[in-house]
Amino acid sequence: MSEHRPYTYVTLSMQPDTEPHVSVSFHTARLKVRAGLLLSNPRPYLDFTSHEANLHISTTEAGPVTDDDLNTARDIFSAAARYLADCEQLHAEQANKDAGDTAA
């Protein structure tokens, strides 16, 4: 069996006359995820943190919650629910396969 090591991949792309683009990929079970409400300027936040990188998501311009902010939060929720369902399905399939391999 091959060992799958965790890693985080971060890139920053900058080209003349364009906005910089940051990409963060977390490939680790050691990811910490938290959400909360900043009390100093009441606004929600969502953080993804690994040893190598942090990703912080909050409302537009740190101001009042807009319809677009709500849509983004719903998209994150839907994507997280899909991720959970896919992980649960693959985990169950792998457990069934492993049980079949040991029975053979």
N, C-alpha and C. Protein backbone atom coordinates (compact mmCIF):
# COMPACT_ATOMS: atom_id res chain seq x y z
N MET A 1 0.84 -1.17 0.00
CA MET A 1 0.00 0.00 0.00
C MET A 1 0.89 1.24 0.00
N SER A 2 0.58 2.20 -0.83
CA SER A 2 1.39 3.41 -0.89
C SER A 2 0.94 4.39 0.21
N GLU A 3 1.89 5.16 0.69
CA GLU A 3 1.60 6.15 1.73
C GLU A 3 1.20 7.45 1.05
N HIS A 4 0.10 8.01 1.48
CA HIS A 4 -0.36 9.29 0.96
C HIS A 4 -0.05 10.36 2.00
N ARG A 5 0.88 11.21 1.68
CA ARG A 5 1.31 12.23 2.62
C ARG A 5 0.49 13.50 2.41
N PRO A 6 0.13 14.18 3.50
CA PRO A 6 -0.62 15.42 3.37
C PRO A 6 0.26 16.54 2.84
N TYR A 7 -0.37 17.46 2.12
CA TYR A 7 0.36 18.65 1.67
C TYR A 7 -0.63 19.77 1.38
N THR A 8 -0.11 20.98 1.36
CA THR A 8 -0.86 22.16 0.96
C THR A 8 -0.08 22.83 -0.15
N TYR A 9 -0.78 23.22 -1.20
CA TYR A 9 -0.15 23.80 -2.36
C TYR A 9 -0.69 25.22 -2.53
N VAL A 10 0.20 26.22 -2.52
CA VAL A 10 -0.20 27.62 -2.64
C VAL A 10 0.55 28.24 -3.81
N THR A 11 -0.18 28.90 -4.71
CA THR A 11 0.47 29.60 -5.82
C THR A 11 -0.05 31.03 -5.90
N LEU A 12 0.80 31.90 -6.35
CA LEU A 12 0.44 33.29 -6.61
C LEU A 12 0.87 33.60 -8.04
N SER A 13 -0.09 33.98 -8.86
CA SER A 13 0.22 34.34 -10.24
C SER A 13 0.01 35.83 -10.43
N MET A 14 1.03 36.46 -11.00
CA MET A 14 0.94 37.90 -11.26
C MET A 14 1.42 38.16 -12.68
N GLN A 15 0.56 38.84 -13.45
CA GLN A 15 0.90 39.20 -14.81
C GLN A 15 0.64 40.69 -14.99
N PRO A 16 1.38 41.35 -15.86
CA PRO A 16 1.16 42.79 -16.07
C PRO A 16 -0.29 43.07 -16.46
N ASP A 17 -0.81 44.15 -15.93
CA ASP A 17 -2.15 44.66 -16.26
C ASP A 17 -3.28 43.70 -15.88
N THR A 18 -3.04 42.80 -14.94
CA THR A 18 -4.10 41.92 -14.44
C THR A 18 -4.01 41.86 -12.92
N GLU A 19 -5.11 41.47 -12.31
CA GLU A 19 -5.12 41.32 -10.87
C GLU A 19 -4.36 40.05 -10.49
N PRO A 20 -3.66 40.06 -9.35
CA PRO A 20 -2.99 38.83 -8.91
C PRO A 20 -4.02 37.72 -8.64
N HIS A 21 -3.60 36.49 -8.81
CA HIS A 21 -4.46 35.33 -8.57
C HIS A 21 -3.77 34.41 -7.58
N VAL A 22 -4.46 34.11 -6.48
CA VAL A 22 -3.94 33.20 -5.46
C VAL A 22 -4.75 31.91 -5.51
N SER A 23 -4.05 30.80 -5.48
CA SER A 23 -4.70 29.49 -5.46
C SER A 23 -4.17 28.71 -4.27
N VAL A 24 -5.10 28.13 -3.48
CA VAL A 24 -4.73 27.32 -2.32
C VAL A 24 -5.41 25.97 -2.46
N SER A 25 -4.62 24.89 -2.39
CA SER A 25 -5.15 23.53 -2.44
C SER A 25 -4.72 22.81 -1.17
N PHE A 26 -5.70 22.33 -0.41
CA PHE A 26 -5.43 21.58 0.80
C PHE A 26 -5.63 20.10 0.50
N HIS A 27 -4.60 19.30 0.71
CA HIS A 27 -4.67 17.85 0.52
C HIS A 27 -4.20 17.21 1.82
N THR A 28 -5.04 17.34 2.84
CA THR A 28 -4.64 16.88 4.17
C THR A 28 -5.85 16.65 5.05
N ALA A 29 -5.76 15.66 5.90
CA ALA A 29 -6.78 15.46 6.93
C ALA A 29 -6.46 16.32 8.15
N ARG A 30 -5.31 16.96 8.13
CA ARG A 30 -4.89 17.80 9.26
C ARG A 30 -5.37 19.24 9.10
N LEU A 31 -6.38 19.45 8.29
CA LEU A 31 -6.94 20.77 8.06
C LEU A 31 -7.85 21.15 9.23
N LYS A 32 -7.69 22.36 9.71
CA LYS A 32 -8.58 22.86 10.74
C LYS A 32 -9.55 23.85 10.08
N VAL A 33 -10.82 23.71 10.40
CA VAL A 33 -11.85 24.58 9.83
C VAL A 33 -12.63 25.18 10.99
N ARG A 34 -12.84 26.48 10.95
CA ARG A 34 -13.63 27.11 11.99
C ARG A 34 -14.42 28.27 11.39
N ALA A 35 -15.50 28.60 12.06
CA ALA A 35 -16.34 29.72 11.66
C ALA A 35 -16.73 30.48 12.90
N GLY A 36 -17.06 31.75 12.71
CA GLY A 36 -17.45 32.55 13.86
C GLY A 36 -17.93 33.91 13.43
N LEU A 37 -18.04 34.78 14.41
CA LEU A 37 -18.49 36.14 14.18
C LEU A 37 -17.49 37.07 14.85
N LEU A 38 -16.89 37.96 14.06
CA LEU A 38 -15.98 38.94 14.63
C LEU A 38 -16.80 39.95 15.41
N LEU A 39 -16.45 40.17 16.66
CA LEU A 39 -17.24 41.05 17.51
C LEU A 39 -16.89 42.51 17.34
N SER A 40 -15.64 42.82 16.97
CA SER A 40 -15.22 44.22 16.84
C SER A 40 -15.95 44.92 15.71
N ASN A 41 -16.24 44.21 14.64
CA ASN A 41 -16.99 44.72 13.50
C ASN A 41 -17.88 43.56 13.06
N PRO A 42 -19.05 43.40 13.69
CA PRO A 42 -19.81 42.16 13.52
C PRO A 42 -19.94 41.71 12.07
N ARG A 43 -19.24 40.62 11.78
CA ARG A 43 -19.33 39.99 10.46
C ARG A 43 -18.90 38.54 10.60
N PRO A 44 -19.50 37.66 9.83
CA PRO A 44 -19.14 36.25 9.90
C PRO A 44 -17.82 35.98 9.18
N TYR A 45 -17.17 34.90 9.60
CA TYR A 45 -15.95 34.47 8.91
C TYR A 45 -15.89 32.95 8.87
N LEU A 46 -15.11 32.46 7.94
CA LEU A 46 -14.84 31.03 7.79
C LEU A 46 -13.35 30.89 7.52
N ASP A 47 -12.66 30.08 8.34
CA ASP A 47 -11.22 29.89 8.20
C ASP A 47 -10.90 28.44 7.90
N PHE A 48 -9.98 28.22 6.96
CA PHE A 48 -9.38 26.92 6.69
C PHE A 48 -7.90 27.10 6.98
N THR A 49 -7.35 26.25 7.83
CA THR A 49 -5.96 26.41 8.26
C THR A 49 -5.23 25.07 8.22
N SER A 50 -4.06 25.07 7.62
CA SER A 50 -3.14 23.95 7.71
C SER A 50 -1.82 24.51 8.22
N HIS A 51 -0.85 23.62 8.40
CA HIS A 51 0.46 24.08 8.87
C HIS A 51 1.09 25.03 7.84
N GLU A 52 0.77 24.83 6.56
CA GLU A 52 1.44 25.56 5.49
C GLU A 52 0.70 26.81 5.02
N ALA A 53 -0.63 26.87 5.22
CA ALA A 53 -1.39 27.98 4.65
C ALA A 53 -2.68 28.21 5.42
N ASN A 54 -3.18 29.43 5.33
CA ASN A 54 -4.46 29.81 5.93
C ASN A 54 -5.32 30.45 4.84
N LEU A 55 -6.62 30.19 4.92
CA LEU A 55 -7.59 30.82 4.02
C LEU A 55 -8.68 31.41 4.89
N HIS A 56 -8.93 32.70 4.75
CA HIS A 56 -9.93 33.40 5.55
C HIS A 56 -10.98 33.96 4.60
N ILE A 57 -12.26 33.65 4.88
CA ILE A 57 -13.36 34.13 4.05
C ILE A 57 -14.27 34.95 4.95
N SER A 58 -14.67 36.14 4.47
CA SER A 58 -15.60 36.98 5.21
C SER A 58 -16.47 37.75 4.23
N THR A 59 -17.34 38.59 4.76
CA THR A 59 -18.29 39.32 3.92
C THR A 59 -17.60 40.39 3.08
N THR A 60 -18.30 40.84 2.07
CA THR A 60 -17.79 41.82 1.12
C THR A 60 -17.33 43.09 1.82
N GLU A 61 -16.09 43.45 1.57
CA GLU A 61 -15.49 44.68 2.10
C GLU A 61 -15.70 44.84 3.59
N ALA A 62 -15.84 43.73 4.29
CA ALA A 62 -16.01 43.74 5.75
C ALA A 62 -17.18 44.61 6.17
N GLY A 63 -18.17 44.74 5.31
CA GLY A 63 -19.33 45.57 5.63
C GLY A 63 -20.54 44.73 5.93
N PRO A 64 -21.72 45.31 5.74
CA PRO A 64 -22.96 44.58 6.01
C PRO A 64 -23.08 43.36 5.11
N VAL A 65 -23.81 42.37 5.58
CA VAL A 65 -24.02 41.15 4.79
C VAL A 65 -24.96 41.47 3.64
N THR A 66 -24.50 41.15 2.42
CA THR A 66 -25.28 41.43 1.22
C THR A 66 -25.93 40.15 0.69
N ASP A 67 -26.81 40.32 -0.30
CA ASP A 67 -27.40 39.15 -0.96
C ASP A 67 -26.32 38.29 -1.60
N ASP A 68 -25.30 38.93 -2.17
CA ASP A 68 -24.19 38.17 -2.77
C ASP A 68 -23.44 37.37 -1.71
N ASP A 69 -23.26 37.96 -0.52
CA ASP A 69 -22.61 37.23 0.58
C ASP A 69 -23.42 36.00 0.97
N LEU A 70 -24.75 36.15 1.04
CA LEU A 70 -25.61 35.02 1.35
C LEU A 70 -25.50 33.93 0.29
N ASN A 71 -25.47 34.32 -0.98
CA ASN A 71 -25.33 33.35 -2.06
C ASN A 71 -24.00 32.61 -1.98
N THR A 72 -22.92 33.34 -1.66
CA THR A 72 -21.61 32.71 -1.50
C THR A 72 -21.64 31.71 -0.34
N ALA A 73 -22.23 32.10 0.78
CA ALA A 73 -22.32 31.20 1.94
C ALA A 73 -23.14 29.96 1.58
N ARG A 74 -24.20 30.11 0.82
CA ARG A 74 -25.00 28.95 0.40
C ARG A 74 -24.20 28.04 -0.53
N ASP A 75 -23.42 28.65 -1.42
CA ASP A 75 -22.57 27.85 -2.31
C ASP A 75 -21.54 27.06 -1.52
N ILE A 76 -20.93 27.69 -0.52
CA ILE A 76 -19.94 27.00 0.33
C ILE A 76 -20.62 25.85 1.06
N PHE A 77 -21.81 26.10 1.62
CA PHE A 77 -22.55 25.07 2.34
C PHE A 77 -22.88 23.89 1.42
N SER A 78 -23.36 24.18 0.22
CA SER A 78 -23.71 23.12 -0.73
C SER A 78 -22.48 22.32 -1.14
N ALA A 79 -21.38 23.01 -1.40
CA ALA A 79 -20.15 22.33 -1.79
C ALA A 79 -19.63 21.46 -0.64
N ALA A 80 -19.70 21.96 0.58
CA ALA A 80 -19.24 21.18 1.74
C ALA A 80 -20.13 19.95 1.95
N ALA A 81 -21.43 20.09 1.74
CA ALA A 81 -22.34 18.95 1.88
C ALA A 81 -22.03 17.90 0.81
N ARG A 82 -21.74 18.32 -0.40
CA ARG A 82 -21.39 17.39 -1.47
C ARG A 82 -20.06 16.70 -1.16
N TYR A 83 -19.09 17.45 -0.66
CA TYR A 83 -17.79 16.88 -0.28
C TYR A 83 -17.98 15.81 0.79
N LEU A 84 -18.80 16.12 1.80
CA LEU A 84 -19.07 15.15 2.86
C LEU A 84 -19.72 13.89 2.30
N ALA A 85 -20.73 14.06 1.45
CA ALA A 85 -21.42 12.90 0.88
C ALA A 85 -20.46 12.05 0.05
N ASP A 86 -19.61 12.69 -0.75
CA ASP A 86 -18.64 11.94 -1.57
C ASP A 86 -17.63 11.20 -0.69
N CYS A 87 -17.14 11.86 0.37
CA CYS A 87 -16.20 11.22 1.28
C CYS A 87 -16.84 10.02 1.97
N GLU A 88 -18.08 10.18 2.44
CA GLU A 88 -18.77 9.08 3.10
C GLU A 88 -18.98 7.90 2.16
N GLN A 89 -19.37 8.20 0.92
CA GLN A 89 -19.60 7.13 -0.06
C GLN A 89 -18.30 6.38 -0.36
N LEU A 90 -17.23 7.11 -0.64
CA LEU A 90 -15.95 6.46 -0.96
C LEU A 90 -15.40 5.70 0.25
N HIS A 91 -15.57 6.24 1.43
CA HIS A 91 -15.10 5.56 2.64
C HIS A 91 -15.84 4.23 2.82
N ALA A 92 -17.15 4.25 2.62
CA ALA A 92 -17.93 3.02 2.73
C ALA A 92 -17.51 2.01 1.67
N GLU A 93 -17.30 2.47 0.45
CA GLU A 93 -16.87 1.56 -0.62
C GLU A 93 -15.51 0.95 -0.31
N GLN A 94 -14.60 1.75 0.20
CA GLN A 94 -13.26 1.26 0.55
C GLN A 94 -13.33 0.26 1.70
N ALA A 95 -14.19 0.53 2.69
CA ALA A 95 -14.34 -0.40 3.81
C ALA A 95 -14.92 -1.72 3.34
N ASN A 96 -15.89 -1.67 2.43
CA ASN A 96 -16.47 -2.91 1.88
C ASN A 96 -15.44 -3.69 1.07
N LYS A 97 -14.62 -2.98 0.30
CA LYS A 97 -13.58 -3.64 -0.50
C LYS A 97 -12.55 -4.27 0.42
N ASP A 98 -12.13 -3.54 1.46
CA ASP A 98 -11.15 -4.08 2.41
C ASP A 98 -11.71 -5.30 3.13
N ALA A 99 -12.98 -5.27 3.48
CA ALA A 99 -13.61 -6.43 4.14
C ALA A 99 -13.65 -7.62 3.19
N GLY A 100 -13.91 -7.36 1.92
CA GLY A 100 -13.91 -8.43 0.92
C GLY A 100 -12.52 -9.00 0.69
N ASP A 101 -11.50 -8.14 0.72
CA ASP A 101 -10.11 -8.59 0.51
C ASP A 101 -9.65 -9.48 1.66
N THR A 102 -10.05 -9.18 2.88
CA THR A 102 -9.61 -9.98 4.02
C THR A 102 -10.39 -11.29 4.11
N ALA A 103 -11.59 -11.31 3.53
CA ALA A 103 -12.39 -12.55 3.55
C ALA A 103 -11.91 -13.55 2.50
N ALA A 104 -11.23 -13.05 1.47
CA ALA A 104 -10.79 -13.92 0.38
C ALA A 104 -9.57 -14.73 0.71
